[in-house]
């Protein structure tokens, strides 16, 4: 089965493609499609609301099975009013570049003593057709907690700008040095379970 992955981030597409290779699924990138020049405005208040907005937007264009994901970042010890949540890249009304993101969150880690616990809360919305929708926002697709630190490691790949200041709690390895493998293994299991259930018709919800 072909599924359109509604993301413009090539790195995220590659990761998801690897996660789902054990399923009978072929992912289609927006870069392969000619009508996906514009991107939806993410006005949701939660990762799930934004994932739903994006999936509905792309389904409205292509009328083919499509899914989208969204994330929120939550940092332990940071006041609620400063939590990035779904606005990980947008700070003070401005969209940060990868380099600016790294510097900004390294600064937060510095304020909190050089490192701080953080976690991503992820959500996914899959639209099979106008009347069949599947959604999920469980902790297993978030990957678990990790440290944000104030010292960045050199990063070669684009698309995950916080990996160079993200460190595995158990091994102490930076995500850019494969320190995220344990988190990714847990996340992969969660996504595979979601898509296997969805493609089997389990947990079906009415589409709005």
N, C-alpha and C. Protein backbone atom coordinates (compact mmCIF):
# COMPACT_ATOMS: atom_id res chain seq x y z
N UNK A 1 0.83 -1.19 0.00
CA UNK A 1 0.00 0.00 0.00
C UNK A 1 0.87 1.25 0.00
N UNK A 2 0.46 2.25 -0.76
CA UNK A 2 1.17 3.52 -0.79
C UNK A 2 0.55 4.48 0.21
N UNK A 3 1.41 5.13 1.00
CA UNK A 3 0.97 6.16 1.94
C UNK A 3 1.79 7.41 1.69
N UNK A 4 1.12 8.54 1.57
CA UNK A 4 1.81 9.82 1.46
C UNK A 4 2.18 10.28 2.87
N UNK A 5 3.45 10.63 3.06
CA UNK A 5 3.87 11.18 4.34
C UNK A 5 3.91 12.69 4.22
N UNK A 6 3.00 13.35 4.90
CA UNK A 6 2.87 14.80 4.79
C UNK A 6 3.90 15.55 5.61
N UNK A 7 5.14 15.53 5.15
CA UNK A 7 6.21 16.31 5.77
C UNK A 7 7.13 16.83 4.68
N UNK A 8 7.66 18.02 4.89
CA UNK A 8 8.64 18.57 3.96
C UNK A 8 10.05 18.39 4.45
N UNK A 9 10.23 17.63 5.54
CA UNK A 9 11.55 17.41 6.13
C UNK A 9 12.12 16.08 5.63
N UNK A 10 13.13 16.11 4.76
CA UNK A 10 13.69 14.88 4.20
C UNK A 10 14.24 13.93 5.26
N UNK A 11 14.83 14.48 6.33
CA UNK A 11 15.39 13.64 7.38
C UNK A 11 14.29 12.86 8.10
N UNK A 12 13.17 13.52 8.38
CA UNK A 12 12.05 12.84 9.03
C UNK A 12 11.46 11.77 8.12
N UNK A 13 11.41 12.06 6.82
CA UNK A 13 10.89 11.07 5.87
C UNK A 13 11.77 9.82 5.88
N UNK A 14 13.08 10.01 5.87
CA UNK A 14 14.01 8.89 5.83
C UNK A 14 13.87 8.02 7.08
N UNK A 15 13.74 8.66 8.24
CA UNK A 15 13.58 7.91 9.49
C UNK A 15 12.30 7.09 9.46
N UNK A 16 11.19 7.70 9.05
CA UNK A 16 9.92 6.98 9.03
C UNK A 16 9.94 5.86 8.00
N UNK A 17 10.58 6.09 6.89
CA UNK A 17 10.70 5.05 5.87
C UNK A 17 11.43 3.84 6.43
N UNK A 18 12.46 4.09 7.23
CA UNK A 18 13.20 3.00 7.86
C UNK A 18 12.34 2.30 8.91
N UNK A 19 11.59 3.06 9.70
CA UNK A 19 10.72 2.47 10.72
C UNK A 19 9.72 1.49 10.12
N UNK A 20 9.15 1.84 8.97
CA UNK A 20 8.01 1.09 8.43
C UNK A 20 8.39 0.07 7.37
N UNK A 21 9.69 -0.16 7.18
CA UNK A 21 10.09 -1.05 6.10
C UNK A 21 9.67 -2.50 6.33
N UNK A 22 9.36 -2.86 7.58
CA UNK A 22 8.90 -4.23 7.84
C UNK A 22 7.43 -4.42 7.50
N UNK A 23 6.72 -3.33 7.23
CA UNK A 23 5.32 -3.41 6.83
C UNK A 23 5.19 -3.35 5.32
N UNK A 24 4.04 -3.78 4.83
CA UNK A 24 3.78 -3.76 3.39
C UNK A 24 3.31 -2.36 2.99
N UNK A 25 4.23 -1.40 3.13
CA UNK A 25 3.90 0.01 2.92
C UNK A 25 5.00 0.66 2.09
N UNK A 26 4.59 1.46 1.12
CA UNK A 26 5.53 2.29 0.36
C UNK A 26 5.22 3.75 0.67
N UNK A 27 6.18 4.44 1.25
CA UNK A 27 5.97 5.85 1.58
C UNK A 27 6.25 6.72 0.37
N UNK A 28 5.39 7.69 0.17
CA UNK A 28 5.54 8.67 -0.91
C UNK A 28 5.88 10.02 -0.29
N UNK A 29 6.96 10.62 -0.75
CA UNK A 29 7.38 11.92 -0.24
C UNK A 29 6.64 13.04 -0.94
N UNK A 30 6.43 14.13 -0.23
CA UNK A 30 5.83 15.32 -0.86
C UNK A 30 6.70 15.82 -2.00
N UNK A 31 8.00 15.58 -1.92
CA UNK A 31 8.90 16.02 -2.98
C UNK A 31 8.65 15.28 -4.29
N UNK A 32 7.97 14.13 -4.22
CA UNK A 32 7.66 13.36 -5.42
C UNK A 32 6.35 13.81 -6.05
N UNK A 33 5.63 14.69 -5.38
CA UNK A 33 4.30 15.09 -5.83
C UNK A 33 4.31 16.55 -6.26
N UNK A 34 3.61 16.83 -7.33
CA UNK A 34 3.70 18.17 -7.94
C UNK A 34 2.78 19.20 -7.30
N UNK A 35 1.78 18.77 -6.54
CA UNK A 35 0.79 19.72 -6.03
C UNK A 35 1.07 20.19 -4.60
N UNK A 36 2.20 19.80 -4.05
CA UNK A 36 2.46 20.09 -2.63
C UNK A 36 3.40 21.26 -2.45
N UNK A 37 3.20 22.31 -3.24
CA UNK A 37 4.11 23.45 -3.16
C UNK A 37 3.87 24.29 -1.90
N UNK A 38 2.62 24.39 -1.46
CA UNK A 38 2.31 25.16 -0.26
C UNK A 38 2.27 24.23 0.95
N UNK A 39 2.47 24.81 2.13
CA UNK A 39 2.40 24.03 3.36
C UNK A 39 1.26 24.56 4.21
N UNK A 40 0.61 23.70 4.99
CA UNK A 40 -0.52 24.15 5.81
C UNK A 40 -0.05 25.01 6.97
N UNK A 41 -0.91 25.93 7.39
CA UNK A 41 -0.63 26.74 8.57
C UNK A 41 -0.97 25.90 9.81
N UNK A 42 0.00 25.74 10.69
CA UNK A 42 -0.19 24.90 11.87
C UNK A 42 -0.75 25.75 13.01
N UNK A 43 -2.06 25.74 13.13
CA UNK A 43 -2.73 26.57 14.13
C UNK A 43 -3.21 25.77 15.34
N UNK A 44 -2.88 24.49 15.39
CA UNK A 44 -3.32 23.65 16.50
C UNK A 44 -2.66 24.03 17.82
N UNK A 45 -3.26 23.59 18.90
CA UNK A 45 -2.72 23.86 20.24
C UNK A 45 -1.93 22.69 20.79
N UNK A 46 -2.03 21.54 20.13
CA UNK A 46 -1.33 20.34 20.59
C UNK A 46 -0.70 19.65 19.38
N UNK A 47 0.25 18.73 19.61
CA UNK A 47 0.81 17.97 18.49
C UNK A 47 -0.26 17.24 17.69
N UNK A 48 -1.27 16.66 18.38
CA UNK A 48 -2.30 15.92 17.65
C UNK A 48 -3.14 16.84 16.78
N UNK A 49 -3.47 18.02 17.28
CA UNK A 49 -4.26 18.95 16.46
C UNK A 49 -3.48 19.36 15.21
N UNK A 50 -2.19 19.59 15.35
CA UNK A 50 -1.40 19.96 14.18
C UNK A 50 -1.23 18.80 13.21
N UNK A 51 -1.03 17.59 13.74
CA UNK A 51 -0.92 16.42 12.87
C UNK A 51 -2.21 16.24 12.08
N UNK A 52 -3.34 16.45 12.74
CA UNK A 52 -4.65 16.32 12.09
C UNK A 52 -4.82 17.39 11.00
N UNK A 53 -4.44 18.62 11.32
CA UNK A 53 -4.55 19.71 10.34
C UNK A 53 -3.75 19.41 9.08
N UNK A 54 -2.53 18.92 9.27
CA UNK A 54 -1.67 18.65 8.12
C UNK A 54 -2.19 17.47 7.30
N UNK A 55 -2.64 16.41 7.97
CA UNK A 55 -3.16 15.25 7.25
C UNK A 55 -4.41 15.63 6.45
N UNK A 56 -5.29 16.40 7.06
CA UNK A 56 -6.51 16.82 6.35
C UNK A 56 -6.17 17.74 5.17
N UNK A 57 -5.19 18.59 5.37
CA UNK A 57 -4.77 19.51 4.30
C UNK A 57 -4.26 18.72 3.09
N UNK A 58 -3.37 17.77 3.33
CA UNK A 58 -2.79 17.02 2.21
C UNK A 58 -3.79 16.04 1.60
N UNK A 59 -4.69 15.49 2.44
CA UNK A 59 -5.73 14.62 1.86
C UNK A 59 -6.63 15.44 0.94
N UNK A 60 -6.91 16.67 1.32
CA UNK A 60 -7.74 17.54 0.48
C UNK A 60 -7.11 17.84 -0.86
N UNK A 61 -5.79 17.76 -0.94
CA UNK A 61 -5.10 18.00 -2.22
C UNK A 61 -5.04 16.73 -3.05
N UNK A 62 -4.63 15.62 -2.41
CA UNK A 62 -4.32 14.40 -3.18
C UNK A 62 -5.43 13.37 -3.20
N UNK A 63 -6.31 13.38 -2.19
CA UNK A 63 -7.39 12.39 -2.09
C UNK A 63 -6.84 10.97 -2.15
N UNK A 64 -5.73 10.78 -1.45
CA UNK A 64 -5.11 9.46 -1.31
C UNK A 64 -4.71 9.29 0.15
N UNK A 65 -4.50 8.03 0.60
CA UNK A 65 -4.11 7.82 1.99
C UNK A 65 -2.88 8.65 2.36
N UNK A 66 -2.99 9.40 3.44
CA UNK A 66 -1.91 10.31 3.84
C UNK A 66 -1.85 10.39 5.36
N UNK A 67 -0.65 10.55 5.87
CA UNK A 67 -0.52 10.78 7.31
C UNK A 67 0.47 11.90 7.56
N UNK A 68 0.32 12.52 8.71
CA UNK A 68 1.25 13.55 9.16
C UNK A 68 1.51 13.36 10.64
N UNK A 69 2.65 13.86 11.06
CA UNK A 69 3.04 13.80 12.47
C UNK A 69 3.36 15.20 12.97
N UNK A 70 3.33 15.36 14.26
CA UNK A 70 3.77 16.62 14.85
C UNK A 70 4.33 16.33 16.23
N UNK A 71 5.18 17.23 16.71
CA UNK A 71 5.87 17.02 17.97
C UNK A 71 5.78 18.25 18.86
N UNK A 72 5.91 18.01 20.14
CA UNK A 72 6.08 19.09 21.11
C UNK A 72 7.25 18.74 22.00
N UNK A 73 8.04 19.73 22.38
CA UNK A 73 9.19 19.53 23.25
C UNK A 73 8.86 20.08 24.64
N UNK A 74 9.13 19.27 25.65
CA UNK A 74 8.83 19.65 27.03
C UNK A 74 10.08 19.46 27.88
N UNK A 75 10.47 20.51 28.60
CA UNK A 75 11.74 20.55 29.31
C UNK A 75 11.48 20.62 30.81
N UNK A 76 12.00 19.64 31.55
CA UNK A 76 11.83 19.61 33.00
C UNK A 76 12.57 20.79 33.64
N UNK A 77 11.91 21.45 34.57
CA UNK A 77 12.52 22.56 35.27
C UNK A 77 12.28 23.91 34.64
N UNK A 78 11.67 23.92 33.46
CA UNK A 78 11.37 25.17 32.77
C UNK A 78 9.95 25.61 33.13
N UNK A 79 9.74 26.89 33.46
CA UNK A 79 8.39 27.35 33.78
C UNK A 79 7.41 27.07 32.64
N UNK A 80 6.17 26.85 33.00
CA UNK A 80 5.15 26.50 32.01
C UNK A 80 5.06 27.52 30.88
N UNK A 81 5.18 28.80 31.23
CA UNK A 81 5.06 29.84 30.21
C UNK A 81 6.24 29.86 29.24
N UNK A 82 7.32 29.17 29.58
CA UNK A 82 8.48 29.11 28.69
C UNK A 82 8.59 27.79 27.94
N UNK A 83 7.71 26.83 28.25
CA UNK A 83 7.78 25.54 27.58
C UNK A 83 7.60 25.72 26.08
N UNK A 84 8.48 25.14 25.27
CA UNK A 84 8.33 25.28 23.82
C UNK A 84 7.10 24.57 23.28
N UNK A 85 6.76 23.40 23.85
CA UNK A 85 5.60 22.67 23.34
C UNK A 85 5.70 22.47 21.84
N UNK A 86 4.62 22.81 21.13
CA UNK A 86 4.61 22.64 19.67
C UNK A 86 5.38 23.73 18.95
N UNK A 87 5.78 24.77 19.68
CA UNK A 87 6.49 25.89 19.04
C UNK A 87 8.00 25.73 19.21
N UNK A 88 8.51 24.55 18.89
CA UNK A 88 9.92 24.26 19.11
C UNK A 88 10.82 25.19 18.31
N UNK A 89 10.43 25.47 17.09
CA UNK A 89 11.27 26.28 16.21
C UNK A 89 10.89 27.76 16.23
N UNK A 90 9.73 28.09 16.72
CA UNK A 90 9.27 29.48 16.72
C UNK A 90 9.43 30.09 18.11
N UNK A 91 10.24 31.10 18.19
CA UNK A 91 10.53 31.76 19.46
C UNK A 91 10.35 33.26 19.29
N UNK A 92 9.54 33.86 20.15
CA UNK A 92 9.34 35.30 20.07
C UNK A 92 8.74 35.76 18.76
N UNK A 93 7.90 34.90 18.16
CA UNK A 93 7.26 35.25 16.89
C UNK A 93 8.14 35.10 15.68
N UNK A 94 9.30 34.48 15.85
CA UNK A 94 10.22 34.33 14.72
C UNK A 94 10.62 32.87 14.57
N UNK A 95 10.73 32.41 13.31
CA UNK A 95 11.13 31.04 13.03
C UNK A 95 12.65 30.95 13.05
N UNK A 96 13.19 30.08 13.90
CA UNK A 96 14.63 29.96 14.06
C UNK A 96 15.24 29.06 12.99
N UNK A 97 16.45 29.37 12.59
CA UNK A 97 17.23 28.49 11.73
C UNK A 97 17.75 27.33 12.58
N UNK A 98 18.31 26.31 11.93
CA UNK A 98 18.87 25.18 12.68
C UNK A 98 19.93 25.66 13.67
N UNK A 99 20.82 26.53 13.22
CA UNK A 99 21.89 27.03 14.09
C UNK A 99 21.32 27.83 15.27
N UNK A 100 20.32 28.63 15.00
CA UNK A 100 19.70 29.42 16.06
C UNK A 100 18.98 28.53 17.07
N UNK A 101 18.35 27.46 16.58
CA UNK A 101 17.68 26.52 17.49
C UNK A 101 18.67 25.89 18.44
N UNK A 102 19.80 25.44 17.89
CA UNK A 102 20.82 24.81 18.72
C UNK A 102 21.29 25.78 19.81
N UNK A 103 21.58 27.02 19.42
CA UNK A 103 22.07 28.01 20.38
C UNK A 103 21.01 28.34 21.43
N UNK A 104 19.76 28.46 21.01
CA UNK A 104 18.69 28.83 21.94
C UNK A 104 18.48 27.75 23.01
N UNK A 105 18.40 26.49 22.59
CA UNK A 105 18.13 25.43 23.55
C UNK A 105 19.36 25.06 24.36
N UNK A 106 20.55 25.26 23.80
CA UNK A 106 21.77 25.10 24.60
C UNK A 106 21.79 26.15 25.70
N UNK A 107 21.29 27.34 25.39
CA UNK A 107 21.20 28.40 26.40
C UNK A 107 20.25 28.05 27.53
N UNK A 108 19.14 27.40 27.19
CA UNK A 108 18.21 26.95 28.24
C UNK A 108 18.88 25.91 29.13
N UNK A 109 19.58 24.96 28.51
CA UNK A 109 20.29 23.95 29.29
C UNK A 109 21.32 24.60 30.21
N UNK A 110 22.00 25.63 29.72
CA UNK A 110 23.00 26.35 30.52
C UNK A 110 22.33 27.01 31.73
N UNK A 111 21.17 27.61 31.51
CA UNK A 111 20.42 28.23 32.61
C UNK A 111 20.04 27.21 33.68
N UNK A 112 19.80 25.98 33.26
CA UNK A 112 19.33 24.93 34.17
C UNK A 112 20.46 24.07 34.69
N UNK A 113 21.68 24.60 34.63
CA UNK A 113 22.81 23.89 35.24
C UNK A 113 23.70 23.14 34.28
N UNK A 114 23.53 23.33 32.99
CA UNK A 114 24.37 22.66 32.00
C UNK A 114 23.70 21.50 31.31
N UNK A 115 22.68 20.94 31.95
CA UNK A 115 21.88 19.90 31.31
C UNK A 115 20.52 19.83 31.98
N UNK A 116 19.55 19.36 31.25
CA UNK A 116 18.19 19.25 31.79
C UNK A 116 17.46 18.12 31.09
N UNK A 117 16.55 17.50 31.81
CA UNK A 117 15.74 16.44 31.21
C UNK A 117 14.71 17.03 30.26
N UNK A 118 14.51 16.36 29.15
CA UNK A 118 13.53 16.81 28.16
C UNK A 118 12.89 15.60 27.51
N UNK A 119 11.77 15.82 26.86
CA UNK A 119 11.10 14.74 26.13
C UNK A 119 10.26 15.32 25.00
N UNK A 120 10.15 14.54 23.95
CA UNK A 120 9.25 14.89 22.86
C UNK A 120 7.94 14.15 23.06
N UNK A 121 6.85 14.84 22.80
CA UNK A 121 5.53 14.20 22.79
C UNK A 121 5.02 14.28 21.36
N UNK A 122 4.90 13.14 20.74
CA UNK A 122 4.57 13.06 19.32
C UNK A 122 3.14 12.61 19.10
N UNK A 123 2.62 12.95 17.94
CA UNK A 123 1.28 12.53 17.55
C UNK A 123 1.28 12.24 16.06
N UNK A 124 0.37 11.36 15.65
CA UNK A 124 0.24 11.00 14.24
C UNK A 124 -1.24 10.92 13.88
N UNK A 125 -1.56 11.37 12.69
CA UNK A 125 -2.92 11.26 12.16
C UNK A 125 -2.85 10.67 10.76
N UNK A 126 -3.58 9.60 10.54
CA UNK A 126 -3.63 8.91 9.25
C UNK A 126 -5.05 8.98 8.69
N UNK A 127 -5.18 9.51 7.50
CA UNK A 127 -6.47 9.53 6.79
C UNK A 127 -6.39 8.55 5.63
N UNK A 128 -7.20 7.50 5.70
CA UNK A 128 -7.24 6.52 4.62
C UNK A 128 -8.17 6.98 3.50
N UNK A 129 -9.28 7.59 3.91
CA UNK A 129 -10.24 8.16 2.96
C UNK A 129 -11.07 9.17 3.74
N UNK A 130 -12.09 9.72 3.12
CA UNK A 130 -12.87 10.77 3.77
C UNK A 130 -13.65 10.28 4.98
N UNK A 131 -13.80 8.97 5.13
CA UNK A 131 -14.57 8.45 6.25
C UNK A 131 -13.79 7.56 7.18
N UNK A 132 -12.48 7.48 7.03
CA UNK A 132 -11.68 6.56 7.84
C UNK A 132 -10.42 7.27 8.32
N UNK A 133 -10.31 7.44 9.64
CA UNK A 133 -9.21 8.18 10.22
C UNK A 133 -8.67 7.44 11.43
N UNK A 134 -7.35 7.52 11.63
CA UNK A 134 -6.69 6.91 12.78
C UNK A 134 -5.76 7.95 13.39
N UNK A 135 -5.78 8.05 14.72
CA UNK A 135 -4.94 9.03 15.41
C UNK A 135 -4.30 8.39 16.64
N UNK A 136 -3.14 8.92 17.00
CA UNK A 136 -2.45 8.38 18.18
C UNK A 136 -1.47 9.41 18.72
N UNK A 137 -1.34 9.46 20.05
CA UNK A 137 -0.38 10.36 20.68
C UNK A 137 0.22 9.72 21.94
N UNK A 138 0.46 8.42 21.90
CA UNK A 138 1.00 7.71 23.06
C UNK A 138 2.46 8.02 23.33
N UNK A 139 2.89 7.75 24.56
CA UNK A 139 4.27 8.03 24.95
C UNK A 139 5.27 7.16 24.19
N UNK A 140 4.82 5.98 23.71
CA UNK A 140 5.76 5.09 23.04
C UNK A 140 6.25 5.63 21.71
N UNK A 141 5.55 6.57 21.09
CA UNK A 141 6.07 7.16 19.85
C UNK A 141 6.86 8.44 20.12
N UNK A 142 7.03 8.76 21.41
CA UNK A 142 7.82 9.94 21.76
C UNK A 142 9.30 9.65 21.92
N UNK A 143 9.63 8.41 22.28
CA UNK A 143 11.04 8.03 22.39
C UNK A 143 11.62 8.14 23.78
N UNK A 144 10.87 8.66 24.76
CA UNK A 144 11.37 8.73 26.12
C UNK A 144 12.18 9.98 26.42
N UNK A 145 12.63 10.08 27.67
CA UNK A 145 13.36 11.26 28.12
C UNK A 145 14.83 11.20 27.72
N UNK A 146 15.43 12.38 27.65
CA UNK A 146 16.86 12.51 27.33
C UNK A 146 17.36 13.80 27.95
N UNK A 147 18.67 14.01 27.88
CA UNK A 147 19.23 15.27 28.37
C UNK A 147 19.43 16.25 27.23
N UNK A 148 19.05 17.50 27.47
CA UNK A 148 19.52 18.61 26.65
C UNK A 148 20.73 19.19 27.37
N UNK A 149 21.82 19.42 26.65
CA UNK A 149 23.04 19.91 27.27
C UNK A 149 23.47 21.22 26.61
N UNK A 150 24.40 21.90 27.28
CA UNK A 150 24.79 23.23 26.78
C UNK A 150 26.00 23.20 25.86
N UNK A 151 26.58 22.03 25.65
CA UNK A 151 27.74 21.92 24.77
C UNK A 151 27.37 21.11 23.54
N UNK A 152 27.44 21.75 22.40
CA UNK A 152 27.02 21.10 21.15
C UNK A 152 28.14 20.27 20.55
N UNK A 153 27.75 19.16 19.94
CA UNK A 153 28.66 18.30 19.20
C UNK A 153 28.50 18.62 17.72
N UNK A 154 29.55 18.45 16.96
CA UNK A 154 29.46 18.73 15.52
C UNK A 154 28.39 17.86 14.88
N UNK A 155 27.60 18.47 14.01
CA UNK A 155 26.50 17.77 13.35
C UNK A 155 26.63 17.92 11.85
N UNK A 156 26.54 16.80 11.13
CA UNK A 156 26.72 16.82 9.68
C UNK A 156 25.39 16.81 8.94
N UNK A 157 24.39 16.12 9.49
CA UNK A 157 23.11 16.00 8.80
C UNK A 157 22.15 17.09 9.26
N UNK A 158 21.35 17.59 8.32
CA UNK A 158 20.34 18.58 8.65
C UNK A 158 19.01 17.90 8.93
N UNK A 159 18.12 18.63 9.58
CA UNK A 159 16.77 18.11 9.80
C UNK A 159 16.43 17.86 11.24
N UNK A 160 17.44 17.60 12.08
CA UNK A 160 17.22 17.38 13.51
C UNK A 160 18.22 18.24 14.28
N UNK A 161 18.02 19.55 14.31
CA UNK A 161 19.03 20.47 14.85
C UNK A 161 19.32 20.34 16.33
N UNK A 162 18.46 19.67 17.09
CA UNK A 162 18.72 19.51 18.52
C UNK A 162 19.47 18.23 18.85
N UNK A 163 19.69 17.37 17.86
CA UNK A 163 20.42 16.13 18.12
C UNK A 163 21.84 16.40 18.61
N UNK A 164 22.42 17.52 18.21
CA UNK A 164 23.81 17.82 18.60
C UNK A 164 23.92 18.31 20.04
N UNK A 165 22.79 18.56 20.71
CA UNK A 165 22.82 18.90 22.14
C UNK A 165 21.91 17.95 22.93
N UNK A 166 21.55 16.83 22.34
CA UNK A 166 20.71 15.82 22.99
C UNK A 166 21.57 14.61 23.35
N UNK A 167 21.44 14.14 24.58
CA UNK A 167 22.30 13.08 25.09
C UNK A 167 21.46 11.97 25.72
N UNK A 168 21.80 10.73 25.43
CA UNK A 168 21.12 9.59 26.02
C UNK A 168 21.39 9.53 27.52
N UNK A 169 20.35 9.33 28.30
CA UNK A 169 20.48 9.33 29.76
C UNK A 169 21.35 8.18 30.25
N UNK A 170 21.22 7.02 29.64
CA UNK A 170 21.92 5.82 30.12
C UNK A 170 23.37 5.79 29.65
N UNK A 171 23.59 5.99 28.36
CA UNK A 171 24.93 5.83 27.79
C UNK A 171 25.77 7.10 27.83
N UNK A 172 25.12 8.25 27.92
CA UNK A 172 25.86 9.51 27.87
C UNK A 172 26.30 9.90 26.48
N UNK A 173 25.82 9.19 25.46
CA UNK A 173 26.21 9.46 24.08
C UNK A 173 25.30 10.52 23.46
N UNK A 174 25.91 11.39 22.67
CA UNK A 174 25.12 12.37 21.92
C UNK A 174 24.29 11.67 20.85
N UNK A 175 23.13 12.22 20.56
CA UNK A 175 22.29 11.64 19.52
C UNK A 175 23.01 11.62 18.17
N UNK A 176 23.85 12.61 17.90
CA UNK A 176 24.57 12.63 16.62
C UNK A 176 25.61 11.51 16.56
N UNK A 177 25.94 10.91 17.71
CA UNK A 177 26.86 9.77 17.76
C UNK A 177 26.10 8.48 17.99
N UNK A 178 24.89 8.41 17.50
CA UNK A 178 24.02 7.23 17.64
C UNK A 178 23.53 7.02 19.07
N UNK A 179 23.60 8.07 19.89
CA UNK A 179 23.08 7.95 21.25
C UNK A 179 21.58 7.83 21.31
N UNK A 180 20.91 8.10 20.18
CA UNK A 180 19.44 8.04 20.17
C UNK A 180 18.91 6.68 19.78
N UNK A 181 19.79 5.69 19.60
CA UNK A 181 19.34 4.39 19.08
C UNK A 181 18.30 3.73 19.98
N UNK A 182 18.50 3.81 21.30
CA UNK A 182 17.53 3.20 22.21
C UNK A 182 16.18 3.92 22.12
N UNK A 183 16.22 5.25 22.08
CA UNK A 183 14.98 6.02 21.95
C UNK A 183 14.29 5.70 20.63
N UNK A 184 15.09 5.60 19.56
CA UNK A 184 14.52 5.33 18.25
C UNK A 184 13.91 3.94 18.19
N UNK A 185 14.53 2.97 18.87
CA UNK A 185 13.99 1.61 18.87
C UNK A 185 12.61 1.58 19.51
N UNK A 186 12.47 2.29 20.62
CA UNK A 186 11.16 2.37 21.29
C UNK A 186 10.15 3.10 20.42
N UNK A 187 10.60 4.19 19.81
CA UNK A 187 9.72 4.97 18.95
C UNK A 187 9.28 4.16 17.74
N UNK A 188 10.21 3.42 17.17
CA UNK A 188 9.89 2.59 16.01
C UNK A 188 8.80 1.58 16.35
N UNK A 189 8.93 0.91 17.49
CA UNK A 189 7.93 -0.07 17.90
C UNK A 189 6.55 0.57 18.00
N UNK A 190 6.51 1.78 18.55
CA UNK A 190 5.23 2.48 18.69
C UNK A 190 4.60 2.81 17.36
N UNK A 191 5.40 3.32 16.42
CA UNK A 191 4.86 3.67 15.10
C UNK A 191 4.45 2.42 14.32
N UNK A 192 5.26 1.37 14.39
CA UNK A 192 4.91 0.14 13.68
C UNK A 192 3.60 -0.42 14.22
N UNK A 193 3.44 -0.40 15.54
CA UNK A 193 2.20 -0.90 16.15
C UNK A 193 1.00 -0.07 15.68
N UNK A 194 1.17 1.26 15.65
CA UNK A 194 0.07 2.12 15.21
C UNK A 194 -0.33 1.81 13.77
N UNK A 195 0.64 1.75 12.87
CA UNK A 195 0.31 1.54 11.46
C UNK A 195 -0.19 0.12 11.20
N UNK A 196 0.34 -0.86 11.91
CA UNK A 196 -0.16 -2.22 11.73
C UNK A 196 -1.63 -2.30 12.14
N UNK A 197 -1.97 -1.69 13.27
CA UNK A 197 -3.36 -1.68 13.71
C UNK A 197 -4.25 -0.91 12.74
N UNK A 198 -3.76 0.24 12.29
CA UNK A 198 -4.57 1.07 11.38
C UNK A 198 -4.83 0.34 10.07
N UNK A 199 -3.81 -0.27 9.52
CA UNK A 199 -3.97 -0.94 8.23
C UNK A 199 -4.80 -2.21 8.36
N UNK A 200 -5.00 -2.67 9.61
CA UNK A 200 -5.87 -3.82 9.86
C UNK A 200 -7.28 -3.38 10.24
N UNK A 201 -7.49 -2.06 10.30
CA UNK A 201 -8.80 -1.53 10.64
C UNK A 201 -9.08 -1.44 12.12
N UNK A 202 -8.04 -1.66 12.95
CA UNK A 202 -8.21 -1.58 14.40
C UNK A 202 -8.14 -0.11 14.84
N UNK A 203 -8.91 0.24 15.86
CA UNK A 203 -8.92 1.61 16.41
C UNK A 203 -9.40 2.64 15.39
N UNK A 204 -10.27 2.23 14.52
CA UNK A 204 -10.81 3.16 13.53
C UNK A 204 -11.66 4.23 14.20
N UNK A 205 -11.54 5.47 13.73
CA UNK A 205 -12.36 6.56 14.23
C UNK A 205 -13.09 7.19 13.06
N UNK A 206 -14.23 7.82 13.32
CA UNK A 206 -14.91 8.53 12.23
C UNK A 206 -14.13 9.76 11.83
N UNK A 207 -13.96 9.97 10.54
CA UNK A 207 -13.29 11.18 10.06
C UNK A 207 -14.27 12.33 10.04
N UNK A 208 -13.79 13.50 10.42
CA UNK A 208 -14.68 14.67 10.43
C UNK A 208 -14.77 15.28 9.05
